[in-house]
């Protein structure tokens, strides 16, 4: 069944006159009659009882009419949805993030702004390690990634833009001797065990980054798989953690935060996306975030 046949049927059903229906469709009346006959042949039933003076829906036509209206409504909706998707107003965005992006407010800020302008877009969020986010963007399994910016080598297929920067603080147990200090320097941490976020081997560059922040490579390191584990171990006295100041908003029992003075770098965040495979809706996301931050 062709969509134009359904449209022709509805025109005749509306006008109950082949001449007027043909005029509204901007086709010749004989052509309209031929198309209606083709539809009836396909359905195996007469849709209109017609004489030289009168046209009326047949019993089958009366049953077919509401279904034909549904077909056209769905077709119009599909057409509109396709146009909105092509213009970036409709679709799905798959966004990966790490805990730092959430606690810094960068992710929630961007999502709120985008939702105001594109309320029909579906957003799928998943927490993933930074290395896994980049890999999934390259393989088109993820659209956007929110990660720490470690100054690691950039893949040619990945676009990277900064989302913000924040001072570092030291997270440690209140029982730790350094907790009595108002501020802590990198030199004061040299003999400490550091709890470092690294979900996989691909995220070991975090250690190199922390080493650059401190000005030396920690001698004693424990790697853990997520941000909350970093803070939990620090609060338990199993090590100290150098983390972005934004994480101090997390209220964990028996933990304290002290400013890290003399750090050689700031904590930075980055937004990752594909250089070559961004869909229209992803391009809309990137454009709106850029517009809002300008």
C-alpha atoms as a PDB file:
ATOM      1  CA  UNK A   1       0.000   0.000   0.000  1.00  0.00           C
ATOM      2  CA  UNK A   2       1.485   3.324  -1.049  1.00  0.00           C
ATOM      3  CA  UNK A   3       1.175   6.365   1.180  1.00  0.00           C
ATOM      4  CA  UNK A   4      -0.132   8.471  -1.683  1.00  0.00           C
ATOM      5  CA  UNK A   5      -3.031   6.019  -2.127  1.00  0.00           C
ATOM      6  CA  UNK A   6      -4.004   6.567   1.511  1.00  0.00           C
ATOM      7  CA  UNK A   7      -3.783  10.329   1.026  1.00  0.00           C
ATOM      8  CA  UNK A   8      -5.987  10.145  -2.075  1.00  0.00           C
ATOM      9  CA  UNK A   9      -8.552   8.020  -0.240  1.00  0.00           C
ATOM     10  CA  UNK A  10      -8.748  10.539   2.614  1.00  0.00           C
ATOM     11  CA  UNK A  11      -9.230  13.413   0.167  1.00  0.00           C
ATOM     12  CA  UNK A  12     -12.185  11.697  -1.478  1.00  0.00           C
ATOM     13  CA  UNK A  13     -13.619  10.704   1.925  1.00  0.00           C
ATOM     14  CA  UNK A  14     -13.366  14.335   3.016  1.00  0.00           C
ATOM     15  CA  UNK A  15     -14.965  15.831  -0.114  1.00  0.00           C
ATOM     16  CA  UNK A  16     -17.283  12.934  -1.060  1.00  0.00           C
ATOM     17  CA  UNK A  17     -16.710  14.139  -4.579  1.00  0.00           C
ATOM     18  CA  UNK A  18     -13.982  12.959  -6.977  1.00  0.00           C
ATOM     19  CA  UNK A  19     -13.789  16.264  -8.853  1.00  0.00           C
ATOM     20  CA  UNK A  20     -13.305  18.403  -5.769  1.00  0.00           C
ATOM     21  CA  UNK A  21     -10.896  15.870  -4.245  1.00  0.00           C
ATOM     22  CA  UNK A  22      -8.829  15.860  -7.458  1.00  0.00           C
ATOM     23  CA  UNK A  23      -8.687  19.659  -7.397  1.00  0.00           C
ATOM     24  CA  UNK A  24      -7.513  19.708  -3.785  1.00  0.00           C
ATOM     25  CA  UNK A  25      -4.793  17.207  -4.672  1.00  0.00           C
ATOM     26  CA  UNK A  26      -3.859  19.113  -7.827  1.00  0.00           C
ATOM     27  CA  UNK A  27      -4.247  16.041 -10.048  1.00  0.00           C
ATOM     28  CA  UNK A  28      -6.649  15.140 -12.845  1.00  0.00           C
ATOM     29  CA  UNK A  29      -9.907  13.434 -11.854  1.00  0.00           C
ATOM     30  CA  UNK A  30      -9.323  10.377 -14.095  1.00  0.00           C
ATOM     31  CA  UNK A  31      -5.902   9.878 -12.488  1.00  0.00           C
ATOM     32  CA  UNK A  32      -7.491  10.041  -9.025  1.00  0.00           C
ATOM     33  CA  UNK A  33     -10.116   7.465 -10.009  1.00  0.00           C
ATOM     34  CA  UNK A  34      -7.379   5.143 -11.282  1.00  0.00           C
ATOM     35  CA  UNK A  35      -5.400   5.456  -8.016  1.00  0.00           C
ATOM     36  CA  UNK A  36      -8.484   4.760  -5.866  1.00  0.00           C
ATOM     37  CA  UNK A  37      -9.253   1.725  -8.008  1.00  0.00           C
ATOM     38  CA  UNK A  38      -5.665   0.499  -7.537  1.00  0.00           C
ATOM     39  CA  UNK A  39      -6.061   0.805  -3.764  1.00  0.00           C
ATOM     40  CA  UNK A  40      -9.371  -1.074  -3.831  1.00  0.00           C
ATOM     41  CA  UNK A  41      -7.803  -3.823  -5.931  1.00  0.00           C
ATOM     42  CA  UNK A  42      -4.974  -4.176  -3.441  1.00  0.00           C
ATOM     43  CA  UNK A  43      -7.379  -4.320  -0.474  1.00  0.00           C
ATOM     44  CA  UNK A  44      -9.791  -6.587  -2.318  1.00  0.00           C
ATOM     45  CA  UNK A  45     -12.771  -4.432  -1.426  1.00  0.00           C
ATOM     46  CA  UNK A  46     -14.732  -1.445  -2.674  1.00  0.00           C
ATOM     47  CA  UNK A  47     -14.116   1.644  -0.557  1.00  0.00           C
ATOM     48  CA  UNK A  48     -16.716   3.957  -2.107  1.00  0.00           C
ATOM     49  CA  UNK A  49     -20.238   3.376  -3.362  1.00  0.00           C
ATOM     50  CA  UNK A  50     -20.448   5.738  -6.309  1.00  0.00           C
ATOM     51  CA  UNK A  51     -22.858   6.666  -9.017  1.00  0.00           C
ATOM     52  CA  UNK A  52     -22.787   9.489 -11.527  1.00  0.00           C
ATOM     53  CA  UNK A  53     -24.385  11.779  -8.926  1.00  0.00           C
ATOM     54  CA  UNK A  54     -23.378  10.385  -5.564  1.00  0.00           C
ATOM     55  CA  UNK A  55     -20.286   9.179  -3.656  1.00  0.00           C
ATOM     56  CA  UNK A  56     -20.451   7.532  -0.245  1.00  0.00           C
ATOM     57  CA  UNK A  57     -18.174   5.373   1.850  1.00  0.00           C
ATOM     58  CA  UNK A  58     -18.882   1.668   1.622  1.00  0.00           C
ATOM     59  CA  UNK A  59     -19.037  -0.479   4.750  1.00  0.00           C
ATOM     60  CA  UNK A  60     -15.380  -1.389   4.231  1.00  0.00           C
ATOM     61  CA  UNK A  61     -14.550   2.270   3.573  1.00  0.00           C
ATOM     62  CA  UNK A  62     -16.063   3.311   6.883  1.00  0.00           C
ATOM     63  CA  UNK A  63     -13.841   0.801   8.701  1.00  0.00           C
ATOM     64  CA  UNK A  64     -10.769   1.775   6.687  1.00  0.00           C
ATOM     65  CA  UNK A  65     -11.227   5.540   7.257  1.00  0.00           C
ATOM     66  CA  UNK A  66     -10.000   5.807  10.891  1.00  0.00           C
ATOM     67  CA  UNK A  67      -7.095   3.473  10.135  1.00  0.00           C
ATOM     68  CA  UNK A  68      -6.124   5.584   7.134  1.00  0.00           C
ATOM     69  CA  UNK A  69      -6.133   8.669   9.333  1.00  0.00           C
ATOM     70  CA  UNK A  70      -3.805   6.908  11.799  1.00  0.00           C
ATOM     71  CA  UNK A  71      -1.467   5.957   8.945  1.00  0.00           C
ATOM     72  CA  UNK A  72      -1.217   9.538   7.743  1.00  0.00           C
ATOM     73  CA  UNK A  73      -0.795  10.913  11.259  1.00  0.00           C
ATOM     74  CA  UNK A  74       2.050   8.469  11.904  1.00  0.00           C
ATOM     75  CA  UNK A  75       3.646   9.290   8.567  1.00  0.00           C
ATOM     76  CA  UNK A  76       3.481  13.022   9.346  1.00  0.00           C
ATOM     77  CA  UNK A  77       4.986  12.400  12.795  1.00  0.00           C
ATOM     78  CA  UNK A  78       7.791  10.321  11.272  1.00  0.00           C
ATOM     79  CA  UNK A  79       8.498  13.051   8.741  1.00  0.00           C
ATOM     80  CA  UNK A  80       8.645  15.696  11.471  1.00  0.00           C
ATOM     81  CA  UNK A  81      10.819  13.502  13.697  1.00  0.00           C
ATOM     82  CA  UNK A  82      13.275  12.914  10.859  1.00  0.00           C
ATOM     83  CA  UNK A  83      13.494  16.642  10.154  1.00  0.00           C
ATOM     84  CA  UNK A  84      14.025  17.441  13.831  1.00  0.00           C
ATOM     85  CA  UNK A  85      16.678  14.727  14.115  1.00  0.00           C
ATOM     86  CA  UNK A  86      18.465  16.055  11.027  1.00  0.00           C
ATOM     87  CA  UNK A  87      18.492  19.545  12.543  1.00  0.00           C
ATOM     88  CA  UNK A  88      19.778  18.286  15.906  1.00  0.00           C
ATOM     89  CA  UNK A  89      16.536  18.847  17.830  1.00  0.00           C
ATOM     90  CA  UNK A  90      15.755  15.174  18.413  1.00  0.00           C
ATOM     91  CA  UNK A  91      17.784  12.075  19.104  1.00  0.00           C
ATOM     92  CA  UNK A  92      19.935  10.418  21.762  1.00  0.00           C
ATOM     93  CA  UNK A  93      23.214  11.616  23.279  1.00  0.00           C
ATOM     94  CA  UNK A  94      25.362   9.061  25.104  1.00  0.00           C
ATOM     95  CA  UNK A  95      27.489  10.828  27.723  1.00  0.00           C
ATOM     96  CA  UNK A  96      30.235   9.307  29.831  1.00  0.00           C
ATOM     97  CA  UNK A  97      31.609  10.942  32.968  1.00  0.00           C
ATOM     98  CA  UNK A  98      33.849  10.439  35.971  1.00  0.00           C
ATOM     99  CA  UNK A  99      33.035  11.531  39.501  1.00  0.00           C
ATOM    100  CA  UNK A 100      35.101  14.710  39.263  1.00  0.00           C
ATOM    101  CA  UNK A 101      32.923  16.001  36.431  1.00  0.00           C
ATOM    102  CA  UNK A 102      29.801  15.527  38.525  1.00  0.00           C
ATOM    103  CA  UNK A 103      31.150  17.090  41.706  1.00  0.00           C
ATOM    104  CA  UNK A 104      32.682  20.032  39.855  1.00  0.00           C
ATOM    105  CA  UNK A 105      29.228  20.920  38.555  1.00  0.00           C
ATOM    106  CA  UNK A 106      30.421  21.008  34.937  1.00  0.00           C
ATOM    107  CA  UNK A 107      28.276  18.088  33.833  1.00  0.00           C
ATOM    108  CA  UNK A 108      25.063  19.146  35.579  1.00  0.00           C
ATOM    109  CA  UNK A 109      25.545  22.747  34.414  1.00  0.00           C
ATOM    110  CA  UNK A 110      25.870  21.672  30.782  1.00  0.00           C
ATOM    111  CA  UNK A 111      22.942  19.269  30.981  1.00  0.00           C
ATOM    112  CA  UNK A 112      20.648  21.901  32.472  1.00  0.00           C
ATOM    113  CA  UNK A 113      21.554  24.403  29.783  1.00  0.00           C
ATOM    114  CA  UNK A 114      21.072  21.924  26.955  1.00  0.00           C
ATOM    115  CA  UNK A 115      17.752  20.673  28.340  1.00  0.00           C
ATOM    116  CA  UNK A 116      16.350  24.214  28.319  1.00  0.00           C
ATOM    117  CA  UNK A 117      16.880  24.525  24.575  1.00  0.00           C
ATOM    118  CA  UNK A 118      16.443  20.896  23.436  1.00  0.00           C
ATOM    119  CA  UNK A 119      13.903  19.294  25.798  1.00  0.00           C
ATOM    120  CA  UNK A 120      13.031  16.439  23.384  1.00  0.00           C
ATOM    121  CA  UNK A 121      16.543  14.987  23.230  1.00  0.00           C
ATOM    122  CA  UNK A 122      17.142  11.793  25.216  1.00  0.00           C
ATOM    123  CA  UNK A 123      20.316  11.771  27.334  1.00  0.00           C
ATOM    124  CA  UNK A 124      21.945   8.509  28.423  1.00  0.00           C
ATOM    125  CA  UNK A 125      24.521   8.881  31.211  1.00  0.00           C
ATOM    126  CA  UNK A 126      27.109   6.288  32.190  1.00  0.00           C
ATOM    127  CA  UNK A 127      30.022   6.525  34.641  1.00  0.00           C
ATOM    128  CA  UNK A 128      33.201   5.342  32.925  1.00  0.00           C
ATOM    129  CA  UNK A 129      36.960   5.685  33.474  1.00  0.00           C
ATOM    130  CA  UNK A 130      38.637   8.334  31.300  1.00  0.00           C
ATOM    131  CA  UNK A 131      40.480   5.810  29.123  1.00  0.00           C
ATOM    132  CA  UNK A 132      37.303   3.842  28.479  1.00  0.00           C
ATOM    133  CA  UNK A 133      35.451   7.020  27.483  1.00  0.00           C
ATOM    134  CA  UNK A 134      38.026   7.927  24.838  1.00  0.00           C
ATOM    135  CA  UNK A 135      38.025   4.373  23.492  1.00  0.00           C
ATOM    136  CA  UNK A 136      34.237   4.241  23.232  1.00  0.00           C
ATOM    137  CA  UNK A 137      34.083   7.624  21.497  1.00  0.00           C
ATOM    138  CA  UNK A 138      36.590   6.398  18.912  1.00  0.00           C
ATOM    139  CA  UNK A 139      34.437   3.296  18.286  1.00  0.00           C
ATOM    140  CA  UNK A 140      31.215   5.366  18.200  1.00  0.00           C
ATOM    141  CA  UNK A 141      29.792   3.710  21.325  1.00  0.00           C
ATOM    142  CA  UNK A 142      29.793   7.034  23.209  1.00  0.00           C
ATOM    143  CA  UNK A 143      29.189  10.600  22.010  1.00  0.00           C
ATOM    144  CA  UNK A 144      30.538  12.856  24.765  1.00  0.00           C
ATOM    145  CA  UNK A 145      32.994  12.285  27.604  1.00  0.00           C
ATOM    146  CA  UNK A 146      33.705  14.330  30.735  1.00  0.00           C
ATOM    147  CA  UNK A 147      37.172  13.493  32.043  1.00  0.00           C
ATOM    148  CA  UNK A 148      40.080  14.977  34.015  1.00  0.00           C
ATOM    149  CA  UNK A 149      42.598  16.673  31.750  1.00  0.00           C
ATOM    150  CA  UNK A 150      45.920  14.969  32.439  1.00  0.00           C
ATOM    151  CA  UNK A 151      47.886  16.465  29.545  1.00  0.00           C
ATOM    152  CA  UNK A 152      47.999  12.961  28.065  1.00  0.00           C
ATOM    153  CA  UNK A 153      48.671  12.504  24.326  1.00  0.00           C
ATOM    154  CA  UNK A 154      45.636  13.357  22.223  1.00  0.00           C
ATOM    155  CA  UNK A 155      44.197  10.839  19.785  1.00  0.00           C
ATOM    156  CA  UNK A 156      43.704  12.335  16.299  1.00  0.00           C
ATOM    157  CA  UNK A 157      40.025  11.284  16.268  1.00  0.00           C
ATOM    158  CA  UNK A 158      39.225  12.975  19.587  1.00  0.00           C
ATOM    159  CA  UNK A 159      38.321  16.625  20.083  1.00  0.00           C
ATOM    160  CA  UNK A 160      39.115  17.980  23.529  1.00  0.00           C
ATOM    161  CA  UNK A 161      37.922  21.214  25.123  1.00  0.00           C
ATOM    162  CA  UNK A 162      38.426  22.483  28.650  1.00  0.00           C
ATOM    163  CA  UNK A 163      35.511  22.565  31.089  1.00  0.00           C
ATOM    164  CA  UNK A 164      37.173  24.338  34.013  1.00  0.00           C
ATOM    165  CA  UNK A 165      40.080  24.355  36.454  1.00  0.00           C
ATOM    166  CA  UNK A 166      40.245  24.131  40.251  1.00  0.00           C
ATOM    167  CA  UNK A 167      42.871  24.133  43.021  1.00  0.00           C
ATOM    168  CA  UNK A 168      43.996  20.874  44.606  1.00  0.00           C
ATOM    169  CA  UNK A 169      43.378  19.888  48.201  1.00  0.00           C
ATOM    170  CA  UNK A 170      44.716  17.039  50.307  1.00  0.00           C
ATOM    171  CA  UNK A 171      42.137  14.558  51.626  1.00  0.00           C
ATOM    172  CA  UNK A 172      43.180  12.711  54.759  1.00  0.00           C
ATOM    173  CA  UNK A 173      41.987  11.291  58.042  1.00  0.00           C
ATOM    174  CA  UNK A 174      41.423  13.729  60.926  1.00  0.00           C
ATOM    175  CA  UNK A 175      43.814  11.539  62.945  1.00  0.00           C
ATOM    176  CA  UNK A 176      46.651  12.089  60.494  1.00  0.00           C
ATOM    177  CA  UNK A 177      49.418  14.339  61.903  1.00  0.00           C
ATOM    178  CA  UNK A 178      49.181  16.627  58.847  1.00  0.00           C
ATOM    179  CA  UNK A 179      45.501  17.311  59.629  1.00  0.00           C
ATOM    180  CA  UNK A 180      46.649  19.716  62.339  1.00  0.00           C
ATOM    181  CA  UNK A 181      48.083  22.014  59.651  1.00  0.00           C
ATOM    182  CA  UNK A 182      46.000  24.704  57.978  1.00  0.00           C
ATOM    183  CA  UNK A 183      47.818  24.140  54.681  1.00  0.00           C
ATOM    184  CA  UNK A 184      49.980  21.343  53.324  1.00  0.00           C
ATOM    185  CA  UNK A 185      52.865  21.621  50.891  1.00  0.00           C
ATOM    186  CA  UNK A 186      53.986  18.936  48.418  1.00  0.00           C
ATOM    187  CA  UNK A 187      57.227  18.566  50.382  1.00  0.00           C
ATOM    188  CA  UNK A 188      55.247  17.651  53.486  1.00  0.00           C
ATOM    189  CA  UNK A 189      53.678  14.700  51.640  1.00  0.00           C
ATOM    190  CA  UNK A 190      56.881  13.157  50.298  1.00  0.00           C
ATOM    191  CA  UNK A 191      56.899  10.154  52.663  1.00  0.00           C
ATOM    192  CA  UNK A 192      53.170   9.494  52.484  1.00  0.00           C
ATOM    193  CA  UNK A 193      51.252   6.677  50.783  1.00  0.00           C
ATOM    194  CA  UNK A 194      49.113   8.168  48.022  1.00  0.00           C
ATOM    195  CA  UNK A 195      45.714   6.820  47.026  1.00  0.00           C
ATOM    196  CA  UNK A 196      45.472   7.304  43.255  1.00  0.00           C
ATOM    197  CA  UNK A 197      42.461   6.909  40.976  1.00  0.00           C
ATOM    198  CA  UNK A 198      43.222   4.431  38.166  1.00  0.00           C
ATOM    199  CA  UNK A 199      40.431   2.142  36.967  1.00  0.00           C
ATOM    200  CA  UNK A 200      42.680   0.376  34.459  1.00  0.00           C
ATOM    201  CA  UNK A 201      46.170   0.448  32.998  1.00  0.00           C
ATOM    202  CA  UNK A 202      45.033   3.085  30.513  1.00  0.00           C
ATOM    203  CA  UNK A 203      44.367   5.457  33.427  1.00  0.00           C
ATOM    204  CA  UNK A 204      47.816   5.160  34.986  1.00  0.00           C
ATOM    205  CA  UNK A 205      48.607   8.578  33.491  1.00  0.00           C
ATOM    206  CA  UNK A 206      46.844   9.972  36.563  1.00  0.00           C
ATOM    207  CA  UNK A 207      49.935   9.023  38.568  1.00  0.00           C
ATOM    208  CA  UNK A 208      52.146  10.899  36.124  1.00  0.00           C
ATOM    209  CA  UNK A 209      49.864  13.897  36.429  1.00  0.00           C
ATOM    210  CA  UNK A 210      49.907  13.855  40.248  1.00  0.00           C
ATOM    211  CA  UNK A 211      53.691  13.562  40.068  1.00  0.00           C
ATOM    212  CA  UNK A 212      53.747  16.715  37.925  1.00  0.00           C
ATOM    213  CA  UNK A 213      51.507  18.492  40.451  1.00  0.00           C
ATOM    214  CA  UNK A 214      53.752  17.541  43.390  1.00  0.00           C
ATOM    215  CA  UNK A 215      57.062  17.982  41.595  1.00  0.00           C
ATOM    216  CA  UNK A 216      58.121  14.414  42.380  1.00  0.00           C
ATOM    217  CA  UNK A 217      56.925  10.850  41.913  1.00  0.00           C
ATOM    218  CA  UNK A 218      55.310   9.408  45.067  1.00  0.00           C
ATOM    219  CA  UNK A 219      57.283   6.489  46.445  1.00  0.00           C
ATOM    220  CA  UNK A 220      54.250   4.683  47.855  1.00  0.00           C
ATOM    221  CA  UNK A 221      51.052   4.428  45.792  1.00  0.00           C
ATOM    222  CA  UNK A 222      47.757   2.522  46.036  1.00  0.00           C
ATOM    223  CA  UNK A 223      45.590   2.434  42.885  1.00  0.00           C
ATOM    224  CA  UNK A 224      41.792   2.262  43.263  1.00  0.00           C
ATOM    225  CA  UNK A 225      38.960   2.205  40.745  1.00  0.00           C
ATOM    226  CA  UNK A 226      36.726   5.175  41.610  1.00  0.00           C
ATOM    227  CA  UNK A 227      36.600   8.523  43.325  1.00  0.00           C
ATOM    228  CA  UNK A 228      34.585   7.444  46.365  1.00  0.00           C
ATOM    229  CA  UNK A 229      37.067   4.656  47.087  1.00  0.00           C
ATOM    230  CA  UNK A 230      39.879   7.231  46.972  1.00  0.00           C
ATOM    231  CA  UNK A 231      38.123   9.322  49.615  1.00  0.00           C
ATOM    232  CA  UNK A 232      37.070   6.336  51.719  1.00  0.00           C
ATOM    233  CA  UNK A 233      40.643   5.046  51.969  1.00  0.00           C
ATOM    234  CA  UNK A 234      41.909   8.526  52.815  1.00  0.00           C
ATOM    235  CA  UNK A 235      39.295   8.914  55.533  1.00  0.00           C
ATOM    236  CA  UNK A 236      40.316   5.524  56.983  1.00  0.00           C
ATOM    237  CA  UNK A 237      43.951   6.591  57.249  1.00  0.00           C
ATOM    238  CA  UNK A 238      45.117   4.149  54.559  1.00  0.00           C
ATOM    239  CA  UNK A 239      46.793   6.933  52.618  1.00  0.00           C
ATOM    240  CA  UNK A 240      46.388  10.541  51.537  1.00  0.00           C
ATOM    241  CA  UNK A 241      44.795  11.760  48.329  1.00  0.00           C
ATOM    242  CA  UNK A 242      45.458  14.849  46.247  1.00  0.00           C
ATOM    243  CA  UNK A 243      42.077  15.717  44.724  1.00  0.00           C
ATOM    244  CA  UNK A 244      40.329  18.702  43.116  1.00  0.00           C
ATOM    245  CA  UNK A 245      38.880  21.212  45.571  1.00  0.00           C
ATOM    246  CA  UNK A 246      35.397  20.418  44.216  1.00  0.00           C
ATOM    247  CA  UNK A 247      35.507  16.984  45.888  1.00  0.00           C
ATOM    248  CA  UNK A 248      35.581  18.686  49.283  1.00  0.00           C
ATOM    249  CA  UNK A 249      31.816  19.073  48.801  1.00  0.00           C
ATOM    250  CA  UNK A 250      31.460  15.334  49.445  1.00  0.00           C
ATOM    251  CA  UNK A 251      30.538  14.813  53.079  1.00  0.00           C
ATOM    252  CA  UNK A 252      32.214  11.603  54.204  1.00  0.00           C
ATOM    253  CA  UNK A 253      32.493  10.790  57.900  1.00  0.00           C
ATOM    254  CA  UNK A 254      35.975  11.178  59.387  1.00  0.00           C
ATOM    255  CA  UNK A 255      37.647  12.986  56.516  1.00  0.00           C
ATOM    256  CA  UNK A 256      39.196  16.400  56.312  1.00  0.00           C
ATOM    257  CA  UNK A 257      40.516  18.509  53.471  1.00  0.00           C
ATOM    258  CA  UNK A 258      43.481  20.860  53.558  1.00  0.00           C
ATOM    259  CA  UNK A 259      44.604  23.238  50.787  1.00  0.00           C
ATOM    260  CA  UNK A 260      47.645  22.068  48.848  1.00  0.00           C
ATOM    261  CA  UNK A 261      49.964  25.078  48.565  1.00  0.00           C
ATOM    262  CA  UNK A 262      52.767  25.196  46.064  1.00  0.00           C
ATOM    263  CA  UNK A 263      51.136  22.815  43.609  1.00  0.00           C
ATOM    264  CA  UNK A 264      52.676  23.140  40.155  1.00  0.00           C
ATOM    265  CA  UNK A 265      49.402  22.705  38.299  1.00  0.00           C
ATOM    266  CA  UNK A 266      45.672  23.155  38.734  1.00  0.00           C
ATOM    267  CA  UNK A 267      43.103  20.393  38.427  1.00  0.00           C
ATOM    268  CA  UNK A 268      41.476  20.648  35.011  1.00  0.00           C
ATOM    269  CA  UNK A 269      38.487  19.052  33.333  1.00  0.00           C
ATOM    270  CA  UNK A 270      37.961  18.275  29.658  1.00  0.00           C
ATOM    271  CA  UNK A 271      35.054  17.431  27.385  1.00  0.00           C
ATOM    272  CA  UNK A 272      35.770  14.791  24.729  1.00  0.00           C
ATOM    273  CA  UNK A 273      33.912  14.224  21.462  1.00  0.00           C
ATOM    274  CA  UNK A 274      34.533  12.653  18.069  1.00  0.00           C
ATOM    275  CA  UNK A 275      36.278  14.745  15.451  1.00  0.00           C
ATOM    276  CA  UNK A 276      34.634  12.914  12.540  1.00  0.00           C
ATOM    277  CA  UNK A 277      31.456  11.133  13.670  1.00  0.00           C
ATOM    278  CA  UNK A 278      29.339  13.654  15.606  1.00  0.00           C
ATOM    279  CA  UNK A 279      25.616  13.281  14.879  1.00  0.00           C
ATOM    280  CA  UNK A 280      23.407  16.370  14.364  1.00  0.00           C
ATOM    281  CA  UNK A 281      22.144  16.214  17.930  1.00  0.00           C
ATOM    282  CA  UNK A 282      25.692  15.939  19.301  1.00  0.00           C
ATOM    283  CA  UNK A 283      26.704  18.947  17.225  1.00  0.00           C
ATOM    284  CA  UNK A 284      23.749  20.801  18.746  1.00  0.00           C
ATOM    285  CA  UNK A 285      24.971  19.845  22.225  1.00  0.00           C
ATOM    286  CA  UNK A 286      28.499  21.067  21.577  1.00  0.00           C
ATOM    287  CA  UNK A 287      27.273  24.277  19.984  1.00  0.00           C
ATOM    288  CA  UNK A 288      24.876  25.074  22.832  1.00  0.00           C
ATOM    289  CA  UNK A 289      27.528  24.407  25.499  1.00  0.00           C
ATOM    290  CA  UNK A 290      29.983  26.621  23.627  1.00  0.00           C
ATOM    291  CA  UNK A 291      27.356  29.364  23.235  1.00  0.00           C
ATOM    292  CA  UNK A 292      26.409  29.278  26.917  1.00  0.00           C
ATOM    293  CA  UNK A 293      30.032  29.483  28.071  1.00  0.00           C
ATOM    294  CA  UNK A 294      31.037  32.296  25.720  1.00  0.00           C
END
